[in-house]
Amino acid sequence: MRLLPWNGPDGKPCYLSTDEGGGYLSRLADDMEAAQLDTAEELLRHTNELLNGSAEVTAGELRFCVHRLREALRDMLRIVESRGGRAT
């Protein structure tokens, strides 16, 4: 069973029974995971610029950044769980 990168309508995790054949839902999940990984990388770059920049950062900007980092970390942990604990 593969843990999909989205929840069902009831908020519970969704699983896909797959034979590693690469069906439509499996490819959709792969694409979504790739997008989540890209978003996390982009967010890390933005956070680095925000924290190392010369401009003063407001509390609101930091709060927004922390919320996005939390979402990215949640997505990353779900991907790791989906891959059986493998990060790559």
N, C-alpha and C. Protein backbone atom coordinates (compact mmCIF):
# COMPACT_ATOMS: atom_id res chain seq x y z
N MET A 1 0.85 -1.18 0.00
CA MET A 1 0.00 0.00 0.00
C MET A 1 0.89 1.24 0.00
N ARG A 2 0.54 2.17 -0.85
CA ARG A 2 1.29 3.42 -0.94
C ARG A 2 0.48 4.54 -0.31
N LEU A 3 1.12 5.27 0.60
CA LEU A 3 0.51 6.45 1.18
C LEU A 3 0.56 7.57 0.15
N LEU A 4 -0.59 8.11 -0.19
CA LEU A 4 -0.67 9.17 -1.18
C LEU A 4 -0.40 10.53 -0.53
N PRO A 5 0.05 11.51 -1.32
CA PRO A 5 0.40 12.81 -0.75
C PRO A 5 -0.80 13.73 -0.53
N TRP A 6 -1.97 13.18 -0.35
CA TRP A 6 -3.15 13.97 -0.05
C TRP A 6 -4.05 13.17 0.87
N ASN A 7 -4.92 13.87 1.56
CA ASN A 7 -5.89 13.23 2.45
C ASN A 7 -7.20 13.04 1.71
N GLY A 8 -8.02 12.14 2.24
CA GLY A 8 -9.35 11.93 1.71
C GLY A 8 -10.29 13.03 2.18
N PRO A 9 -11.53 13.00 1.73
CA PRO A 9 -12.50 14.04 2.10
C PRO A 9 -12.74 14.13 3.60
N ASP A 10 -12.51 13.03 4.31
CA ASP A 10 -12.71 13.02 5.76
C ASP A 10 -11.46 13.44 6.52
N GLY A 11 -10.39 13.82 5.78
CA GLY A 11 -9.15 14.26 6.41
C GLY A 11 -8.21 13.13 6.78
N LYS A 12 -8.60 11.91 6.49
CA LYS A 12 -7.76 10.75 6.81
C LYS A 12 -6.82 10.45 5.64
N PRO A 13 -5.69 9.80 5.93
CA PRO A 13 -4.74 9.47 4.87
C PRO A 13 -5.38 8.57 3.81
N CYS A 14 -4.92 8.75 2.57
CA CYS A 14 -5.36 7.91 1.46
C CYS A 14 -4.23 6.96 1.08
N TYR A 15 -4.59 5.75 0.76
CA TYR A 15 -3.62 4.74 0.34
C TYR A 15 -4.02 4.20 -1.01
N LEU A 16 -3.01 3.79 -1.77
CA LEU A 16 -3.23 3.20 -3.09
C LEU A 16 -2.63 1.82 -3.10
N SER A 17 -3.44 0.86 -3.47
CA SER A 17 -2.95 -0.49 -3.66
C SER A 17 -2.38 -0.56 -5.08
N THR A 18 -1.08 -0.76 -5.18
CA THR A 18 -0.43 -0.72 -6.48
C THR A 18 0.53 -1.88 -6.65
N ASP A 19 0.72 -2.27 -7.88
CA ASP A 19 1.66 -3.34 -8.19
C ASP A 19 2.94 -2.78 -8.80
N GLU A 20 3.22 -1.51 -8.53
CA GLU A 20 4.40 -0.82 -9.06
C GLU A 20 4.32 -0.67 -10.58
N GLY A 21 3.13 -0.78 -11.14
CA GLY A 21 2.97 -0.67 -12.58
C GLY A 21 2.95 0.74 -13.10
N GLY A 22 2.81 1.72 -12.23
CA GLY A 22 2.83 3.11 -12.66
C GLY A 22 1.53 3.57 -13.28
N GLY A 23 0.41 3.24 -12.66
CA GLY A 23 -0.88 3.68 -13.14
C GLY A 23 -1.07 5.18 -12.98
N TYR A 24 -2.24 5.65 -13.41
CA TYR A 24 -2.53 7.08 -13.40
C TYR A 24 -2.38 7.69 -12.01
N LEU A 25 -3.00 7.10 -10.98
CA LEU A 25 -2.92 7.68 -9.64
C LEU A 25 -1.51 7.65 -9.09
N SER A 26 -0.78 6.61 -9.42
CA SER A 26 0.61 6.52 -8.98
C SER A 26 1.45 7.62 -9.61
N ARG A 27 1.26 7.86 -10.91
CA ARG A 27 1.99 8.95 -11.58
C ARG A 27 1.57 10.31 -11.04
N LEU A 28 0.28 10.48 -10.77
CA LEU A 28 -0.21 11.73 -10.19
C LEU A 28 0.43 11.98 -8.83
N ALA A 29 0.52 10.94 -8.02
CA ALA A 29 1.16 11.07 -6.70
C ALA A 29 2.64 11.40 -6.85
N ASP A 30 3.33 10.75 -7.81
CA ASP A 30 4.74 11.06 -8.06
C ASP A 30 4.91 12.53 -8.44
N ASP A 31 4.04 13.01 -9.33
CA ASP A 31 4.12 14.41 -9.76
C ASP A 31 3.87 15.37 -8.60
N MET A 32 2.90 15.03 -7.76
CA MET A 32 2.59 15.89 -6.62
C MET A 32 3.74 15.90 -5.62
N GLU A 33 4.34 14.74 -5.37
CA GLU A 33 5.49 14.68 -4.46
C GLU A 33 6.64 15.50 -5.02
N ALA A 34 6.88 15.42 -6.32
CA ALA A 34 7.96 16.19 -6.94
C ALA A 34 7.69 17.69 -6.77
N ALA A 35 6.45 18.10 -6.95
CA ALA A 35 6.09 19.51 -6.77
C ALA A 35 6.28 19.93 -5.31
N GLN A 36 5.94 19.06 -4.38
CA GLN A 36 6.13 19.38 -2.96
C GLN A 36 7.61 19.52 -2.63
N LEU A 37 8.45 18.65 -3.18
CA LEU A 37 9.89 18.75 -2.95
C LEU A 37 10.45 20.04 -3.55
N ASP A 38 10.00 20.39 -4.75
CA ASP A 38 10.43 21.64 -5.38
C ASP A 38 10.02 22.86 -4.54
N THR A 39 8.80 22.82 -4.03
CA THR A 39 8.31 23.91 -3.19
C THR A 39 9.15 24.04 -1.92
N ALA A 40 9.50 22.91 -1.32
CA ALA A 40 10.32 22.94 -0.10
C ALA A 40 11.68 23.55 -0.39
N GLU A 41 12.30 23.18 -1.52
CA GLU A 41 13.60 23.74 -1.88
C GLU A 41 13.50 25.26 -2.11
N GLU A 42 12.45 25.67 -2.80
CA GLU A 42 12.24 27.10 -3.05
C GLU A 42 12.02 27.85 -1.74
N LEU A 43 11.27 27.27 -0.84
CA LEU A 43 11.00 27.89 0.46
C LEU A 43 12.29 28.02 1.27
N LEU A 44 13.15 27.01 1.23
CA LEU A 44 14.42 27.10 1.93
C LEU A 44 15.28 28.23 1.37
N ARG A 45 15.32 28.36 0.06
CA ARG A 45 16.08 29.47 -0.55
C ARG A 45 15.52 30.82 -0.10
N HIS A 46 14.19 30.93 -0.13
CA HIS A 46 13.55 32.19 0.28
C HIS A 46 13.83 32.49 1.75
N THR A 47 13.75 31.48 2.59
CA THR A 47 14.00 31.66 4.02
C THR A 47 15.43 32.12 4.25
N ASN A 48 16.36 31.51 3.53
CA ASN A 48 17.76 31.91 3.65
C ASN A 48 17.95 33.37 3.26
N GLU A 49 17.33 33.78 2.16
CA GLU A 49 17.41 35.18 1.73
C GLU A 49 16.78 36.11 2.77
N LEU A 50 15.66 35.69 3.31
CA LEU A 50 14.95 36.50 4.30
C LEU A 50 15.80 36.70 5.56
N LEU A 51 16.41 35.62 6.03
CA LEU A 51 17.17 35.69 7.27
C LEU A 51 18.55 36.31 7.10
N ASN A 52 19.13 36.20 5.91
CA ASN A 52 20.47 36.73 5.68
C ASN A 52 20.47 38.06 4.96
N GLY A 53 19.30 38.57 4.64
CA GLY A 53 19.20 39.84 3.93
C GLY A 53 19.51 41.02 4.84
N SER A 54 19.75 42.15 4.20
CA SER A 54 20.09 43.34 4.98
C SER A 54 18.85 44.11 5.44
N ALA A 55 17.70 43.80 4.84
CA ALA A 55 16.47 44.51 5.21
C ALA A 55 15.91 43.95 6.51
N GLU A 56 15.24 44.81 7.25
CA GLU A 56 14.58 44.40 8.50
C GLU A 56 13.39 43.50 8.16
N VAL A 57 13.27 42.40 8.87
CA VAL A 57 12.19 41.44 8.65
C VAL A 57 11.13 41.65 9.72
N THR A 58 9.89 41.74 9.30
CA THR A 58 8.81 41.96 10.26
C THR A 58 8.38 40.65 10.91
N ALA A 59 7.70 40.77 12.03
CA ALA A 59 7.17 39.59 12.71
C ALA A 59 6.17 38.86 11.82
N GLY A 60 5.38 39.61 11.06
CA GLY A 60 4.41 38.99 10.16
C GLY A 60 5.08 38.17 9.07
N GLU A 61 6.19 38.68 8.54
CA GLU A 61 6.94 37.94 7.52
C GLU A 61 7.52 36.64 8.10
N LEU A 62 8.06 36.73 9.29
CA LEU A 62 8.60 35.54 9.93
C LEU A 62 7.50 34.53 10.25
N ARG A 63 6.36 35.00 10.72
CA ARG A 63 5.24 34.12 11.03
C ARG A 63 4.77 33.39 9.76
N PHE A 64 4.64 34.14 8.67
CA PHE A 64 4.23 33.55 7.40
C PHE A 64 5.24 32.49 6.96
N CYS A 65 6.51 32.81 7.09
CA CYS A 65 7.58 31.88 6.70
C CYS A 65 7.54 30.61 7.55
N VAL A 66 7.34 30.75 8.83
CA VAL A 66 7.27 29.58 9.72
C VAL A 66 6.09 28.70 9.36
N HIS A 67 4.95 29.29 9.04
CA HIS A 67 3.78 28.50 8.64
C HIS A 67 4.08 27.70 7.37
N ARG A 68 4.71 28.34 6.39
CA ARG A 68 5.04 27.65 5.14
C ARG A 68 6.08 26.56 5.38
N LEU A 69 7.06 26.82 6.26
CA LEU A 69 8.06 25.80 6.59
C LEU A 69 7.40 24.60 7.26
N ARG A 70 6.43 24.86 8.13
CA ARG A 70 5.71 23.77 8.79
C ARG A 70 4.98 22.91 7.77
N GLU A 71 4.32 23.56 6.81
CA GLU A 71 3.61 22.81 5.77
C GLU A 71 4.58 21.97 4.93
N ALA A 72 5.72 22.57 4.58
CA ALA A 72 6.71 21.85 3.77
C ALA A 72 7.28 20.67 4.55
N LEU A 73 7.54 20.86 5.83
CA LEU A 73 8.06 19.76 6.64
C LEU A 73 7.03 18.64 6.77
N ARG A 74 5.77 19.00 6.95
CA ARG A 74 4.70 17.99 7.00
C ARG A 74 4.66 17.18 5.71
N ASP A 75 4.73 17.88 4.58
CA ASP A 75 4.72 17.20 3.28
C ASP A 75 5.94 16.29 3.13
N MET A 76 7.10 16.77 3.54
CA MET A 76 8.32 15.96 3.43
C MET A 76 8.24 14.70 4.28
N LEU A 77 7.74 14.84 5.50
CA LEU A 77 7.61 13.67 6.37
C LEU A 77 6.64 12.65 5.78
N ARG A 78 5.59 13.13 5.15
CA ARG A 78 4.63 12.24 4.52
C ARG A 78 5.28 11.49 3.35
N ILE A 79 6.10 12.19 2.58
CA ILE A 79 6.80 11.56 1.46
C ILE A 79 7.74 10.48 1.99
N VAL A 80 8.48 10.81 3.04
CA VAL A 80 9.40 9.83 3.64
C VAL A 80 8.63 8.61 4.13
N GLU A 81 7.49 8.83 4.78
CA GLU A 81 6.67 7.71 5.25
C GLU A 81 6.17 6.89 4.07
N SER A 82 5.76 7.56 3.01
CA SER A 82 5.26 6.87 1.83
C SER A 82 6.34 6.00 1.20
N ARG A 83 7.57 6.43 1.29
CA ARG A 83 8.68 5.68 0.69
C ARG A 83 9.28 4.68 1.67
N GLY A 84 8.55 4.39 2.71
CA GLY A 84 9.02 3.39 3.67
C GLY A 84 10.15 3.84 4.53
N GLY A 85 10.21 5.15 4.82
CA GLY A 85 11.26 5.68 5.68
C GLY A 85 12.49 6.11 4.93
N ARG A 86 12.51 5.97 3.58
CA ARG A 86 13.65 6.41 2.78
C ARG A 86 13.45 7.86 2.38
N ALA A 87 14.45 8.68 2.55
CA ALA A 87 14.36 10.09 2.19
C ALA A 87 14.59 10.32 0.70
N THR A 88 15.16 9.34 0.00
CA THR A 88 15.40 9.49 -1.45
C THR A 88 14.85 8.31 -2.19
